[in-house]
């Protein structure tokens, strides 16, 4: 199970924890209320997963100071409430 698939969760703030590995948003198939993801200052690597575009209520995505590679998924820019990346 993924933290990102908890239906009632609005905010994930896990910055400054030295987490590592690839970013995984899990199988986001049910409606998510997640609005704010803050994962800066960790050691995540690899691309931003395309599944982030399924978080239709997402307003804020903060990922600085990680080892993110590749392009930002173009579908991210279609999220209607996204105001800060």
N, C-alpha and C. Protein backbone atom coordinates (compact mmCIF):
# COMPACT_ATOMS: atom_id res chain seq x y z
N UNK A 1 0.84 -1.18 0.00
CA UNK A 1 0.00 0.00 0.00
C UNK A 1 0.89 1.25 0.00
N UNK A 2 0.41 2.30 -0.58
CA UNK A 2 1.17 3.52 -0.71
C UNK A 2 0.53 4.64 0.09
N UNK A 3 1.37 5.45 0.69
CA UNK A 3 0.92 6.62 1.42
C UNK A 3 0.10 7.54 0.51
N UNK A 4 0.44 7.57 -0.76
CA UNK A 4 -0.21 8.46 -1.71
C UNK A 4 -1.61 7.99 -2.11
N UNK A 5 -2.01 6.80 -1.71
CA UNK A 5 -3.33 6.29 -2.09
C UNK A 5 -4.33 6.33 -0.94
N UNK A 6 -3.96 6.91 0.21
CA UNK A 6 -4.90 7.03 1.33
C UNK A 6 -5.94 8.07 0.93
N UNK A 7 -7.22 7.69 0.81
CA UNK A 7 -8.23 8.58 0.23
C UNK A 7 -8.46 9.88 1.00
N UNK A 8 -8.30 9.89 2.31
CA UNK A 8 -8.62 11.09 3.09
C UNK A 8 -7.41 11.99 3.35
N UNK A 9 -6.24 11.63 2.86
CA UNK A 9 -5.02 12.39 3.12
C UNK A 9 -4.96 13.64 2.25
N UNK A 10 -4.70 14.79 2.87
CA UNK A 10 -4.62 16.06 2.15
C UNK A 10 -3.18 16.55 1.99
N UNK A 11 -2.29 16.18 2.92
CA UNK A 11 -0.95 16.75 2.98
C UNK A 11 0.09 15.68 3.31
N UNK A 12 1.19 15.70 2.58
CA UNK A 12 2.34 14.85 2.90
C UNK A 12 3.55 15.76 2.99
N UNK A 13 4.11 15.87 4.18
CA UNK A 13 5.30 16.69 4.40
C UNK A 13 6.41 15.83 4.96
N UNK A 14 7.28 15.36 4.11
CA UNK A 14 8.36 14.46 4.53
C UNK A 14 9.73 14.98 4.07
N UNK A 15 9.87 16.29 4.02
CA UNK A 15 11.14 16.88 3.63
C UNK A 15 12.18 16.74 4.72
N UNK A 16 13.44 16.89 4.33
CA UNK A 16 14.58 16.87 5.26
C UNK A 16 14.71 15.58 6.04
N UNK A 17 14.50 14.46 5.40
CA UNK A 17 14.58 13.17 6.09
C UNK A 17 15.62 12.22 5.52
N UNK A 18 16.31 12.62 4.47
CA UNK A 18 17.31 11.77 3.83
C UNK A 18 16.73 10.45 3.30
N UNK A 19 15.43 10.46 2.94
CA UNK A 19 14.86 9.29 2.28
C UNK A 19 15.56 9.11 0.94
N UNK A 20 15.62 7.88 0.46
CA UNK A 20 16.24 7.65 -0.84
C UNK A 20 15.45 6.62 -1.61
N UNK A 21 15.83 6.43 -2.85
CA UNK A 21 15.11 5.53 -3.74
C UNK A 21 14.39 6.33 -4.80
N UNK A 22 13.58 5.65 -5.58
CA UNK A 22 12.82 6.33 -6.62
C UNK A 22 11.50 6.82 -6.06
N UNK A 23 10.98 7.86 -6.68
CA UNK A 23 9.66 8.36 -6.29
C UNK A 23 8.60 7.41 -6.83
N UNK A 24 7.71 6.98 -5.99
CA UNK A 24 6.61 6.10 -6.39
C UNK A 24 5.33 6.68 -5.80
N UNK A 25 4.37 6.96 -6.64
CA UNK A 25 3.10 7.47 -6.15
C UNK A 25 2.05 6.36 -6.04
N UNK A 26 2.44 5.14 -6.30
CA UNK A 26 1.54 4.02 -6.14
C UNK A 26 0.46 3.96 -7.20
N UNK A 27 -0.48 3.09 -6.99
CA UNK A 27 -1.59 2.90 -7.92
C UNK A 27 -2.72 3.84 -7.53
N UNK A 28 -2.68 5.03 -8.07
CA UNK A 28 -3.68 6.04 -7.73
C UNK A 28 -4.88 5.83 -8.65
N UNK A 29 -5.82 5.04 -8.21
CA UNK A 29 -6.99 4.76 -9.04
C UNK A 29 -8.26 5.29 -8.41
N UNK A 30 -8.26 5.43 -7.10
CA UNK A 30 -9.45 5.97 -6.43
C UNK A 30 -9.29 7.47 -6.27
N UNK A 31 -10.39 8.19 -6.10
CA UNK A 31 -10.29 9.64 -5.92
C UNK A 31 -9.39 9.99 -4.73
N UNK A 32 -8.48 10.91 -4.94
CA UNK A 32 -7.55 11.32 -3.91
C UNK A 32 -7.82 12.77 -3.52
N UNK A 33 -7.74 13.07 -2.24
CA UNK A 33 -7.90 14.44 -1.77
C UNK A 33 -6.55 15.12 -1.57
N UNK A 34 -5.49 14.44 -1.95
CA UNK A 34 -4.14 14.96 -1.73
C UNK A 34 -3.94 16.28 -2.47
N UNK A 35 -3.58 17.32 -1.71
CA UNK A 35 -3.41 18.66 -2.27
C UNK A 35 -1.97 19.15 -2.20
N UNK A 36 -1.19 18.65 -1.26
CA UNK A 36 0.12 19.23 -0.99
C UNK A 36 1.14 18.11 -0.73
N UNK A 37 2.17 18.03 -1.56
CA UNK A 37 3.24 17.05 -1.39
C UNK A 37 4.56 17.81 -1.26
N UNK A 38 5.23 17.62 -0.14
CA UNK A 38 6.51 18.29 0.12
C UNK A 38 7.55 17.23 0.47
N UNK A 39 8.43 16.97 -0.49
CA UNK A 39 9.45 15.92 -0.33
C UNK A 39 10.86 16.45 -0.58
N UNK A 40 11.07 17.73 -0.37
CA UNK A 40 12.37 18.34 -0.63
C UNK A 40 13.44 17.88 0.34
N UNK A 41 14.69 18.06 -0.07
CA UNK A 41 15.86 17.78 0.76
C UNK A 41 15.92 16.33 1.22
N UNK A 42 15.72 15.43 0.30
CA UNK A 42 15.90 14.00 0.52
C UNK A 42 16.90 13.51 -0.52
N UNK A 43 16.93 12.25 -0.77
CA UNK A 43 17.81 11.68 -1.80
C UNK A 43 17.03 10.86 -2.81
N UNK A 44 15.81 11.30 -3.14
CA UNK A 44 15.04 10.60 -4.17
C UNK A 44 15.74 10.78 -5.50
N UNK A 45 15.69 9.75 -6.34
CA UNK A 45 16.35 9.80 -7.63
C UNK A 45 15.39 9.30 -8.72
N UNK A 46 15.76 9.60 -9.94
CA UNK A 46 14.96 9.15 -11.07
C UNK A 46 13.93 10.18 -11.47
N UNK A 47 13.06 9.82 -12.39
CA UNK A 47 12.07 10.76 -12.91
C UNK A 47 10.88 10.94 -11.97
N UNK A 48 10.15 12.02 -12.19
CA UNK A 48 8.86 12.20 -11.52
C UNK A 48 7.89 11.24 -12.21
N UNK A 49 7.24 10.36 -11.47
CA UNK A 49 6.36 9.38 -12.12
C UNK A 49 5.16 10.04 -12.80
N UNK A 50 4.76 9.48 -13.92
CA UNK A 50 3.59 10.00 -14.64
C UNK A 50 2.31 9.89 -13.82
N UNK A 51 2.30 8.97 -12.87
CA UNK A 51 1.09 8.78 -12.05
C UNK A 51 0.76 10.01 -11.21
N UNK A 52 1.70 10.94 -11.06
CA UNK A 52 1.40 12.16 -10.30
C UNK A 52 0.26 12.93 -10.98
N UNK A 53 0.08 12.75 -12.27
CA UNK A 53 -0.98 13.46 -12.98
C UNK A 53 -2.37 12.96 -12.61
N UNK A 54 -2.45 11.86 -11.89
CA UNK A 54 -3.76 11.36 -11.43
C UNK A 54 -4.20 12.01 -10.12
N UNK A 55 -3.33 12.81 -9.53
CA UNK A 55 -3.68 13.51 -8.28
C UNK A 55 -4.39 14.81 -8.65
N UNK A 56 -5.65 14.69 -9.02
CA UNK A 56 -6.39 15.81 -9.61
C UNK A 56 -6.60 16.99 -8.67
N UNK A 57 -6.47 16.79 -7.37
CA UNK A 57 -6.63 17.90 -6.42
C UNK A 57 -5.30 18.52 -6.01
N UNK A 58 -4.21 18.07 -6.60
CA UNK A 58 -2.88 18.55 -6.21
C UNK A 58 -2.73 20.04 -6.50
N UNK A 59 -2.29 20.79 -5.48
CA UNK A 59 -2.04 22.22 -5.60
C UNK A 59 -0.55 22.54 -5.53
N UNK A 60 0.18 21.78 -4.71
CA UNK A 60 1.59 22.07 -4.45
C UNK A 60 2.42 20.80 -4.55
N UNK A 61 3.52 20.87 -5.29
CA UNK A 61 4.46 19.77 -5.39
C UNK A 61 5.87 20.33 -5.18
N UNK A 62 6.49 19.97 -4.07
CA UNK A 62 7.80 20.52 -3.70
C UNK A 62 8.82 19.38 -3.66
N UNK A 63 9.80 19.44 -4.56
CA UNK A 63 10.80 18.36 -4.68
C UNK A 63 12.24 18.87 -4.78
N UNK A 64 12.60 20.03 -4.25
CA UNK A 64 13.97 20.51 -4.46
C UNK A 64 15.00 19.67 -3.71
N UNK A 65 16.23 19.78 -4.16
CA UNK A 65 17.36 19.12 -3.52
C UNK A 65 17.20 17.61 -3.40
N UNK A 66 16.77 17.02 -4.50
CA UNK A 66 16.75 15.58 -4.68
C UNK A 66 17.58 15.29 -5.92
N UNK A 67 17.57 14.09 -6.38
CA UNK A 67 18.33 13.71 -7.58
C UNK A 67 17.35 13.33 -8.69
N UNK A 68 16.39 14.21 -8.92
CA UNK A 68 15.36 13.99 -9.94
C UNK A 68 16.00 14.13 -11.32
N UNK A 69 15.67 13.21 -12.21
CA UNK A 69 16.20 13.23 -13.57
C UNK A 69 15.06 13.23 -14.57
N UNK A 70 15.38 13.54 -15.80
CA UNK A 70 14.38 13.50 -16.86
C UNK A 70 13.52 14.74 -16.87
N UNK A 71 12.50 14.69 -17.71
CA UNK A 71 11.60 15.82 -17.86
C UNK A 71 10.42 15.71 -16.91
N UNK A 72 9.85 16.85 -16.60
CA UNK A 72 8.62 16.87 -15.82
C UNK A 72 7.51 16.33 -16.73
N UNK A 73 6.71 15.36 -16.25
CA UNK A 73 5.64 14.82 -17.09
C UNK A 73 4.70 15.94 -17.56
N UNK A 74 4.46 16.01 -18.85
CA UNK A 74 3.62 17.09 -19.40
C UNK A 74 2.21 17.07 -18.83
N UNK A 75 1.72 15.89 -18.45
CA UNK A 75 0.38 15.81 -17.88
C UNK A 75 0.28 16.53 -16.54
N UNK A 76 1.40 16.75 -15.88
CA UNK A 76 1.39 17.47 -14.61
C UNK A 76 0.81 18.87 -14.80
N UNK A 77 1.13 19.49 -15.94
CA UNK A 77 0.68 20.86 -16.19
C UNK A 77 -0.81 20.95 -16.51
N UNK A 78 -1.48 19.82 -16.65
CA UNK A 78 -2.92 19.84 -16.91
C UNK A 78 -3.74 19.75 -15.63
N UNK A 79 -3.08 19.59 -14.49
CA UNK A 79 -3.82 19.50 -13.22
C UNK A 79 -4.47 20.85 -12.94
N UNK A 80 -5.79 20.87 -12.76
CA UNK A 80 -6.52 22.14 -12.68
C UNK A 80 -6.21 23.00 -11.46
N UNK A 81 -5.76 22.40 -10.36
CA UNK A 81 -5.54 23.17 -9.13
C UNK A 81 -4.07 23.42 -8.83
N UNK A 82 -3.18 22.93 -9.68
CA UNK A 82 -1.75 23.04 -9.41
C UNK A 82 -1.31 24.50 -9.52
N UNK A 83 -0.74 25.02 -8.42
CA UNK A 83 -0.30 26.42 -8.41
C UNK A 83 1.18 26.57 -8.07
N UNK A 84 1.82 25.53 -7.54
CA UNK A 84 3.22 25.67 -7.12
C UNK A 84 3.97 24.37 -7.35
N UNK A 85 5.05 24.47 -8.12
CA UNK A 85 5.93 23.32 -8.35
C UNK A 85 7.34 23.76 -8.04
